Amino acid sequence: MRTKDYADVAIKRRSYFSALFCLATSSTTLVPDRPSLAQPNGLGLTVGLVFVVVGFVLAVFPARRFRKAGTSVVPGEPSTVLVREGAYKVTRNPIYIGLILIYFGLCLVLTSIWMLLLLVPTAIVLHLGVVKREEDYLSWKFGDAYRSYMNQVPRWL
């Protein structure tokens, strides 16, 4: 029987992405003769910045919707309302998709193979350690309403 009114996620804060970004960036800048995706150019910078902007929109506006609904956006804190409006009509995890797009865009902007290589384990940890646990919690908290939402809206795109 569940006793905690929050998702017992592996990563409590989204600062995990910031820490991973710092690790990858320092690897990119400190390792001599580092491999890169390509030589920096205008196309890579432009495409990377598009990913960053789209990711930012997907991360920020859904978070605002949580605040407007009066529920926490922080993983590991209690949810009080099931949010299904805005980007949540299209995907159950727009904030996480946004963070991944920002990270990928920065990989392109910085032409960092290290960052790109760290993106895969980041996505796996996010999926198994956060998203799956949040889904278990939300199913417990909101019951059939959340299960119905899960059947109607995909986890990812």
N, C-alpha and C. Protein backbone atom coordinates (compact mmCIF):
# COMPACT_ATOMS: atom_id res chain seq x y z
N MET A 1 0.84 -1.19 0.00
CA MET A 1 0.00 0.00 0.00
C MET A 1 0.88 1.25 0.00
N ARG A 2 0.52 2.20 -0.82
CA ARG A 2 1.27 3.44 -0.96
C ARG A 2 0.96 4.37 0.21
N THR A 3 1.99 4.98 0.77
CA THR A 3 1.78 5.91 1.88
C THR A 3 2.28 7.32 1.56
N LYS A 4 3.13 7.46 0.56
CA LYS A 4 3.70 8.76 0.23
C LYS A 4 2.87 9.43 -0.86
N ASP A 5 2.53 10.70 -0.66
CA ASP A 5 1.76 11.44 -1.65
C ASP A 5 2.69 12.24 -2.56
N TYR A 6 3.61 11.54 -3.19
CA TYR A 6 4.48 12.13 -4.20
C TYR A 6 5.13 11.00 -4.98
N ALA A 7 5.61 11.33 -6.17
CA ALA A 7 6.30 10.33 -6.99
C ALA A 7 7.70 10.13 -6.43
N ASP A 8 8.05 8.91 -6.13
CA ASP A 8 9.37 8.59 -5.59
C ASP A 8 10.36 8.48 -6.74
N VAL A 9 10.68 9.62 -7.33
CA VAL A 9 11.52 9.65 -8.52
C VAL A 9 13.00 9.54 -8.16
N ALA A 10 13.79 9.03 -9.10
CA ALA A 10 15.22 8.87 -8.89
C ALA A 10 15.93 10.22 -8.87
N ILE A 11 15.39 11.18 -9.59
CA ILE A 11 15.99 12.51 -9.69
C ILE A 11 14.96 13.51 -9.22
N LYS A 12 15.23 14.17 -8.12
CA LYS A 12 14.24 15.06 -7.52
C LYS A 12 14.13 16.41 -8.23
N ARG A 13 15.18 16.84 -8.84
CA ARG A 13 15.18 18.16 -9.47
C ARG A 13 15.67 18.05 -10.91
N ARG A 14 15.27 18.99 -11.71
CA ARG A 14 15.72 19.00 -13.10
C ARG A 14 17.17 19.47 -13.22
N SER A 15 17.80 19.77 -12.09
CA SER A 15 19.20 20.18 -12.10
C SER A 15 20.10 19.06 -12.61
N TYR A 16 19.58 17.83 -12.66
CA TYR A 16 20.32 16.71 -13.23
C TYR A 16 20.76 17.06 -14.65
N PHE A 17 19.86 17.69 -15.42
CA PHE A 17 20.20 18.08 -16.78
C PHE A 17 21.31 19.12 -16.78
N SER A 18 21.25 20.06 -15.85
CA SER A 18 22.29 21.08 -15.76
C SER A 18 23.63 20.46 -15.40
N ALA A 19 23.63 19.54 -14.45
CA ALA A 19 24.87 18.88 -14.05
C ALA A 19 25.46 18.08 -15.20
N LEU A 20 24.62 17.36 -15.91
CA LEU A 20 25.09 16.58 -17.05
C LEU A 20 25.62 17.49 -18.16
N PHE A 21 24.94 18.61 -18.37
CA PHE A 21 25.39 19.57 -19.36
C PHE A 21 26.77 20.11 -18.98
N CYS A 22 26.96 20.45 -17.71
CA CYS A 22 28.26 20.96 -17.25
C CYS A 22 29.35 19.91 -17.42
N LEU A 23 29.04 18.67 -17.09
CA LEU A 23 30.01 17.58 -17.26
C LEU A 23 30.39 17.42 -18.72
N ALA A 24 29.41 17.39 -19.59
CA ALA A 24 29.68 17.21 -21.01
C ALA A 24 30.42 18.41 -21.59
N THR A 25 30.04 19.61 -21.18
CA THR A 25 30.70 20.81 -21.68
C THR A 25 32.15 20.85 -21.23
N SER A 26 32.39 20.51 -19.97
CA SER A 26 33.77 20.51 -19.49
C SER A 26 34.58 19.43 -20.20
N SER A 27 33.98 18.29 -20.49
CA SER A 27 34.67 17.25 -21.25
C SER A 27 35.02 17.76 -22.64
N THR A 28 34.09 18.48 -23.22
CA THR A 28 34.29 19.01 -24.57
C THR A 28 35.42 20.03 -24.59
N THR A 29 35.51 20.86 -23.57
CA THR A 29 36.50 21.94 -23.59
C THR A 29 37.84 21.54 -22.99
N LEU A 30 37.87 20.56 -22.09
CA LEU A 30 39.11 20.21 -21.40
C LEU A 30 39.89 19.07 -22.05
N VAL A 31 39.22 18.22 -22.80
CA VAL A 31 39.90 17.07 -23.40
C VAL A 31 40.56 17.51 -24.69
N PRO A 32 41.90 17.39 -24.76
CA PRO A 32 42.58 17.81 -25.99
C PRO A 32 42.22 16.87 -27.14
N ASP A 33 42.24 17.41 -28.34
CA ASP A 33 41.94 16.63 -29.54
C ASP A 33 40.62 15.87 -29.40
N ARG A 34 39.68 16.55 -28.82
CA ARG A 34 38.37 15.91 -28.59
C ARG A 34 37.66 15.65 -29.92
N PRO A 35 36.95 14.55 -29.99
CA PRO A 35 36.13 14.33 -31.19
C PRO A 35 34.93 15.27 -31.15
N SER A 36 34.52 15.71 -32.30
CA SER A 36 33.33 16.56 -32.35
C SER A 36 32.40 16.05 -33.44
N LEU A 37 31.19 16.54 -33.43
CA LEU A 37 30.22 16.13 -34.44
C LEU A 37 30.61 16.65 -35.81
N ALA A 38 31.14 17.85 -35.86
CA ALA A 38 31.55 18.49 -37.11
C ALA A 38 32.23 19.80 -36.76
N GLN A 39 32.77 20.44 -37.76
CA GLN A 39 33.31 21.77 -37.53
C GLN A 39 32.13 22.73 -37.34
N PRO A 40 32.26 23.66 -36.40
CA PRO A 40 31.17 24.62 -36.20
C PRO A 40 30.85 25.34 -37.52
N ASN A 41 29.56 25.45 -37.80
CA ASN A 41 29.14 26.19 -38.99
C ASN A 41 27.78 26.80 -38.74
N GLY A 42 27.36 27.65 -39.66
CA GLY A 42 26.10 28.37 -39.50
C GLY A 42 24.89 27.46 -39.46
N LEU A 43 24.89 26.40 -40.27
CA LEU A 43 23.74 25.50 -40.31
C LEU A 43 23.58 24.76 -38.98
N GLY A 44 24.68 24.22 -38.46
CA GLY A 44 24.61 23.52 -37.16
C GLY A 44 24.16 24.44 -36.05
N LEU A 45 24.67 25.66 -36.07
CA LEU A 45 24.28 26.64 -35.07
C LEU A 45 22.80 26.98 -35.19
N THR A 46 22.34 27.19 -36.40
CA THR A 46 20.93 27.54 -36.62
C THR A 46 20.00 26.40 -36.21
N VAL A 47 20.29 25.19 -36.67
CA VAL A 47 19.45 24.04 -36.33
C VAL A 47 19.48 23.80 -34.82
N GLY A 48 20.66 23.90 -34.24
CA GLY A 48 20.78 23.72 -32.79
C GLY A 48 19.96 24.74 -32.01
N LEU A 49 20.02 25.99 -32.45
CA LEU A 49 19.25 27.03 -31.76
C LEU A 49 17.74 26.83 -31.93
N VAL A 50 17.32 26.30 -33.07
CA VAL A 50 15.90 25.99 -33.26
C VAL A 50 15.47 24.93 -32.24
N PHE A 51 16.28 23.88 -32.07
CA PHE A 51 15.97 22.86 -31.07
C PHE A 51 15.91 23.46 -29.67
N VAL A 52 16.85 24.35 -29.36
CA VAL A 52 16.87 24.99 -28.04
C VAL A 52 15.60 25.81 -27.81
N VAL A 53 15.20 26.60 -28.80
CA VAL A 53 14.01 27.45 -28.65
C VAL A 53 12.75 26.60 -28.52
N VAL A 54 12.60 25.60 -29.38
CA VAL A 54 11.42 24.73 -29.30
C VAL A 54 11.40 24.01 -27.96
N GLY A 55 12.55 23.53 -27.53
CA GLY A 55 12.64 22.86 -26.23
C GLY A 55 12.27 23.79 -25.08
N PHE A 56 12.74 25.03 -25.17
CA PHE A 56 12.42 26.02 -24.13
C PHE A 56 10.92 26.25 -24.05
N VAL A 57 10.28 26.40 -25.20
CA VAL A 57 8.82 26.61 -25.23
C VAL A 57 8.12 25.40 -24.62
N LEU A 58 8.56 24.19 -25.00
CA LEU A 58 7.94 22.97 -24.48
C LEU A 58 8.19 22.77 -22.98
N ALA A 59 9.25 23.34 -22.47
CA ALA A 59 9.54 23.19 -21.04
C ALA A 59 8.86 24.28 -20.20
N VAL A 60 8.84 25.50 -20.69
CA VAL A 60 8.36 26.63 -19.89
C VAL A 60 6.84 26.75 -19.86
N PHE A 61 6.20 26.71 -21.01
CA PHE A 61 4.75 26.93 -21.02
C PHE A 61 3.96 25.84 -20.29
N PRO A 62 4.30 24.58 -20.44
CA PRO A 62 3.61 23.56 -19.63
C PRO A 62 3.86 23.74 -18.13
N ALA A 63 5.06 24.17 -17.76
CA ALA A 63 5.34 24.42 -16.34
C ALA A 63 4.45 25.55 -15.82
N ARG A 64 4.24 26.56 -16.64
CA ARG A 64 3.34 27.66 -16.25
C ARG A 64 1.92 27.15 -16.06
N ARG A 65 1.51 26.21 -16.90
CA ARG A 65 0.16 25.64 -16.79
C ARG A 65 0.00 24.91 -15.45
N PHE A 66 1.05 24.23 -15.01
CA PHE A 66 1.02 23.57 -13.69
C PHE A 66 0.81 24.61 -12.60
N ARG A 67 1.60 25.67 -12.65
CA ARG A 67 1.50 26.71 -11.62
C ARG A 67 0.11 27.36 -11.62
N LYS A 68 -0.41 27.61 -12.82
CA LYS A 68 -1.74 28.21 -12.94
C LYS A 68 -2.81 27.29 -12.35
N ALA A 69 -2.64 25.98 -12.50
CA ALA A 69 -3.59 25.01 -11.96
C ALA A 69 -3.41 24.82 -10.45
N GLY A 70 -2.32 25.37 -9.90
CA GLY A 70 -2.08 25.27 -8.47
C GLY A 70 -1.44 23.97 -8.02
N THR A 71 -0.72 23.33 -8.92
CA THR A 71 -0.04 22.08 -8.56
C THR A 71 1.46 22.24 -8.78
N SER A 72 2.24 21.39 -8.16
CA SER A 72 3.69 21.49 -8.23
C SER A 72 4.22 20.94 -9.54
N VAL A 73 5.22 21.60 -10.05
CA VAL A 73 5.91 21.15 -11.25
C VAL A 73 7.17 20.36 -10.88
N VAL A 74 7.53 20.35 -9.61
CA VAL A 74 8.77 19.72 -9.15
C VAL A 74 8.56 18.22 -8.96
N PRO A 75 9.39 17.40 -9.61
CA PRO A 75 9.28 15.96 -9.38
C PRO A 75 9.54 15.64 -7.91
N GLY A 76 8.77 14.73 -7.37
CA GLY A 76 8.95 14.36 -5.97
C GLY A 76 8.11 15.17 -5.01
N GLU A 77 7.32 16.11 -5.51
CA GLU A 77 6.38 16.86 -4.67
C GLU A 77 4.96 16.43 -5.01
N PRO A 78 4.02 16.56 -4.07
CA PRO A 78 2.64 16.12 -4.33
C PRO A 78 1.99 16.85 -5.50
N SER A 79 1.20 16.11 -6.26
CA SER A 79 0.37 16.69 -7.32
C SER A 79 -1.04 16.86 -6.78
N THR A 80 -1.64 18.00 -7.06
CA THR A 80 -2.99 18.24 -6.55
C THR A 80 -4.04 18.23 -7.65
N VAL A 81 -3.60 18.42 -8.90
CA VAL A 81 -4.52 18.50 -10.03
C VAL A 81 -3.91 17.74 -11.20
N LEU A 82 -4.75 17.07 -11.97
CA LEU A 82 -4.31 16.42 -13.20
C LEU A 82 -4.45 17.44 -14.33
N VAL A 83 -3.32 17.86 -14.89
CA VAL A 83 -3.32 18.87 -15.95
C VAL A 83 -3.38 18.17 -17.30
N ARG A 84 -4.38 18.54 -18.12
CA ARG A 84 -4.56 17.92 -19.43
C ARG A 84 -4.69 18.94 -20.55
N GLU A 85 -4.47 20.20 -20.27
CA GLU A 85 -4.63 21.25 -21.26
C GLU A 85 -3.29 21.59 -21.91
N GLY A 86 -3.37 22.37 -22.98
CA GLY A 86 -2.17 22.83 -23.67
C GLY A 86 -1.39 21.68 -24.27
N ALA A 87 -0.08 21.69 -24.07
CA ALA A 87 0.78 20.64 -24.62
C ALA A 87 0.44 19.27 -24.06
N TYR A 88 -0.21 19.24 -22.90
CA TYR A 88 -0.58 17.96 -22.28
C TYR A 88 -1.71 17.26 -23.03
N LYS A 89 -2.29 17.91 -24.02
CA LYS A 89 -3.25 17.24 -24.90
C LYS A 89 -2.53 16.37 -25.93
N VAL A 90 -1.26 16.68 -26.17
CA VAL A 90 -0.48 16.01 -27.21
C VAL A 90 0.48 14.98 -26.64
N THR A 91 1.07 15.26 -25.50
CA THR A 91 2.03 14.36 -24.86
C THR A 91 1.91 14.50 -23.35
N ARG A 92 2.18 13.41 -22.65
CA ARG A 92 2.10 13.46 -21.19
C ARG A 92 3.36 14.07 -20.57
N ASN A 93 4.41 14.27 -21.35
CA ASN A 93 5.68 14.74 -20.81
C ASN A 93 6.31 15.88 -21.61
N PRO A 94 5.58 16.97 -21.86
CA PRO A 94 6.17 18.03 -22.67
C PRO A 94 7.39 18.69 -22.03
N ILE A 95 7.42 18.79 -20.72
CA ILE A 95 8.57 19.42 -20.06
C ILE A 95 9.83 18.60 -20.29
N TYR A 96 9.73 17.29 -20.11
CA TYR A 96 10.90 16.43 -20.31
C TYR A 96 11.32 16.40 -21.78
N ILE A 97 10.36 16.39 -22.68
CA ILE A 97 10.69 16.46 -24.11
C ILE A 97 11.41 17.78 -24.39
N GLY A 98 10.92 18.86 -23.80
CA GLY A 98 11.57 20.16 -23.96
C GLY A 98 13.01 20.16 -23.46
N LEU A 99 13.24 19.57 -22.30
CA LEU A 99 14.60 19.51 -21.75
C LEU A 99 15.53 18.69 -22.65
N ILE A 100 15.01 17.59 -23.18
CA ILE A 100 15.83 16.76 -24.08
C ILE A 100 16.13 17.53 -25.37
N LEU A 101 15.16 18.26 -25.89
CA LEU A 101 15.40 19.05 -27.11
C LEU A 101 16.41 20.17 -26.86
N ILE A 102 16.33 20.81 -25.71
CA ILE A 102 17.33 21.84 -25.37
C ILE A 102 18.72 21.22 -25.33
N TYR A 103 18.83 20.10 -24.66
CA TYR A 103 20.12 19.42 -24.53
C TYR A 103 20.65 19.03 -25.91
N PHE A 104 19.79 18.44 -26.76
CA PHE A 104 20.20 18.05 -28.10
C PHE A 104 20.62 19.27 -28.92
N GLY A 105 19.86 20.35 -28.82
CA GLY A 105 20.21 21.57 -29.53
C GLY A 105 21.57 22.10 -29.11
N LEU A 106 21.87 22.02 -27.82
CA LEU A 106 23.18 22.46 -27.34
C LEU A 106 24.29 21.54 -27.84
N CYS A 107 23.99 20.25 -28.01
CA CYS A 107 24.96 19.32 -28.61
C CYS A 107 25.35 19.83 -30.00
N LEU A 108 24.35 20.26 -30.77
CA LEU A 108 24.61 20.74 -32.12
C LEU A 108 25.34 22.08 -32.11
N VAL A 109 24.90 22.99 -31.25
CA VAL A 109 25.53 24.31 -31.17
C VAL A 109 27.00 24.18 -30.79
N LEU A 110 27.29 23.32 -29.83
CA LEU A 110 28.66 23.15 -29.34
C LEU A 110 29.43 22.08 -30.11
N THR A 111 28.78 21.43 -31.06
CA THR A 111 29.34 20.31 -31.82
C THR A 111 30.04 19.29 -30.92
N SER A 112 29.35 18.93 -29.86
CA SER A 112 29.97 18.07 -28.84
C SER A 112 29.49 16.63 -28.93
N ILE A 113 30.40 15.74 -29.29
CA ILE A 113 30.10 14.32 -29.31
C ILE A 113 29.91 13.80 -27.88
N TRP A 114 30.63 14.39 -26.91
CA TRP A 114 30.49 13.97 -25.51
C TRP A 114 29.08 14.23 -25.01
N MET A 115 28.58 15.40 -25.32
CA MET A 115 27.22 15.72 -24.89
C MET A 115 26.22 14.77 -25.54
N LEU A 116 26.43 14.50 -26.82
CA LEU A 116 25.51 13.61 -27.53
C LEU A 116 25.55 12.21 -26.93
N LEU A 117 26.74 11.73 -26.60
CA LEU A 117 26.87 10.40 -26.00
C LEU A 117 26.20 10.34 -24.63
N LEU A 118 26.26 11.41 -23.88
CA LEU A 118 25.62 11.43 -22.56
C LEU A 118 24.10 11.61 -22.64
N LEU A 119 23.60 12.01 -23.80
CA LEU A 119 22.16 12.19 -23.95
C LEU A 119 21.41 10.87 -23.84
N VAL A 120 21.98 9.80 -24.36
CA VAL A 120 21.30 8.49 -24.32
C VAL A 120 21.11 8.01 -22.88
N PRO A 121 22.17 7.94 -22.05
CA PRO A 121 21.91 7.52 -20.67
C PRO A 121 21.01 8.49 -19.91
N THR A 122 21.08 9.76 -20.26
CA THR A 122 20.19 10.74 -19.63
C THR A 122 18.74 10.41 -19.93
N ALA A 123 18.45 10.13 -21.19
CA ALA A 123 17.07 9.80 -21.58
C ALA A 123 16.60 8.51 -20.91
N ILE A 124 17.50 7.54 -20.78
CA ILE A 124 17.13 6.27 -20.13
C ILE A 124 16.83 6.49 -18.66
N VAL A 125 17.68 7.23 -17.97
CA VAL A 125 17.45 7.53 -16.55
C VAL A 125 16.16 8.32 -16.39
N LEU A 126 15.94 9.27 -17.26
CA LEU A 126 14.71 10.06 -17.20
C LEU A 126 13.48 9.18 -17.37
N HIS A 127 13.53 8.28 -18.34
CA HIS A 127 12.38 7.42 -18.61
C HIS A 127 12.12 6.44 -17.46
N LEU A 128 13.16 5.73 -17.03
CA LEU A 128 12.98 4.70 -16.00
C LEU A 128 12.92 5.27 -14.59
N GLY A 129 13.74 6.27 -14.32
CA GLY A 129 13.86 6.77 -12.96
C GLY A 129 12.90 7.88 -12.60
N VAL A 130 12.30 8.51 -13.60
CA VAL A 130 11.39 9.62 -13.32
C VAL A 130 10.01 9.36 -13.92
N VAL A 131 9.93 9.27 -15.23
CA VAL A 131 8.63 9.20 -15.91
C VAL A 131 7.81 7.99 -15.46
N LYS A 132 8.42 6.82 -15.47
CA LYS A 132 7.67 5.62 -15.07
C LYS A 132 7.18 5.73 -13.62
N ARG A 133 8.02 6.27 -12.76
CA ARG A 133 7.63 6.42 -11.35
C ARG A 133 6.54 7.47 -11.18
N GLU A 134 6.65 8.55 -11.95
CA GLU A 134 5.59 9.56 -11.89
C GLU A 134 4.26 8.97 -12.37
N GLU A 135 4.31 8.16 -13.40
CA GLU A 135 3.08 7.54 -13.90
C GLU A 135 2.46 6.62 -12.85
N ASP A 136 3.29 5.84 -12.16
CA ASP A 136 2.77 4.98 -11.09
C ASP A 136 2.09 5.82 -10.01
N TYR A 137 2.75 6.90 -9.63
CA TYR A 137 2.20 7.79 -8.61
C TYR A 137 0.89 8.42 -9.08
N LEU A 138 0.87 8.95 -10.30
CA LEU A 138 -0.33 9.61 -10.79
C LEU A 138 -1.49 8.63 -10.97
N SER A 139 -1.19 7.39 -11.33
CA SER A 139 -2.24 6.36 -11.39
C SER A 139 -2.82 6.11 -10.01
N TRP A 140 -1.95 6.08 -9.01
CA TRP A 140 -2.40 5.89 -7.62
C TRP A 140 -3.22 7.10 -7.17
N LYS A 141 -2.71 8.28 -7.46
CA LYS A 141 -3.33 9.52 -6.96
C LYS A 141 -4.67 9.82 -7.64
N PHE A 142 -4.72 9.69 -8.97
CA PHE A 142 -5.91 10.12 -9.71
C PHE A 142 -6.73 8.96 -10.28
N GLY A 143 -6.26 7.74 -10.09
CA GLY A 143 -7.03 6.55 -10.46
C GLY A 143 -7.43 6.48 -11.92
N ASP A 144 -8.72 6.21 -12.14
CA ASP A 144 -9.24 6.01 -13.49
C ASP A 144 -9.08 7.24 -14.38
N ALA A 145 -9.13 8.42 -13.79
CA ALA A 145 -8.97 9.65 -14.58
C ALA A 145 -7.60 9.67 -15.25
N TYR A 146 -6.55 9.29 -14.50
CA TYR A 146 -5.21 9.29 -15.09
C TYR A 146 -5.04 8.12 -16.06
N ARG A 147 -5.58 6.97 -15.72
CA ARG A 147 -5.48 5.82 -16.62
C ARG A 147 -6.19 6.10 -17.95
N SER A 148 -7.30 6.79 -17.90
CA SER A 148 -8.00 7.19 -19.13
C SER A 148 -7.13 8.16 -19.93
N TYR A 149 -6.52 9.11 -19.24
CA TYR A 149 -5.61 10.07 -19.87
C TYR A 149 -4.45 9.33 -20.53
N MET A 150 -3.89 8.33 -19.84
CA MET A 150 -2.79 7.54 -20.40
C MET A 150 -3.21 6.84 -21.70
N ASN A 151 -4.44 6.38 -21.75
CA ASN A 151 -4.93 5.70 -22.95
C ASN A 151 -5.18 6.66 -24.11
N GLN A 152 -5.41 7.92 -23.80
CA GLN A 152 -5.74 8.91 -24.83
C GLN A 152 -4.53 9.68 -25.34
N VAL A 153 -3.53 9.86 -24.49
CA VAL A 153 -2.39 10.73 -24.83
C VAL A 153 -1.09 9.94 -24.70
N PRO A 154 -0.22 9.98 -25.72
CA PRO A 154 1.02 9.22 -25.65
C PRO A 154 2.00 9.78 -24.62
N ARG A 155 2.83 8.89 -24.09
CA ARG A 155 3.87 9.30 -23.12
C ARG A 155 4.84 10.26 -23.79
N TRP A 156 5.35 9.88 -24.93
CA TRP A 156 6.25 10.70 -25.72
C TRP A 156 5.52 11.05 -27.01
N LEU A 157 6.17 11.68 -27.93
CA LEU A 157 5.50 12.03 -29.20
C LEU A 157 5.54 10.89 -30.17
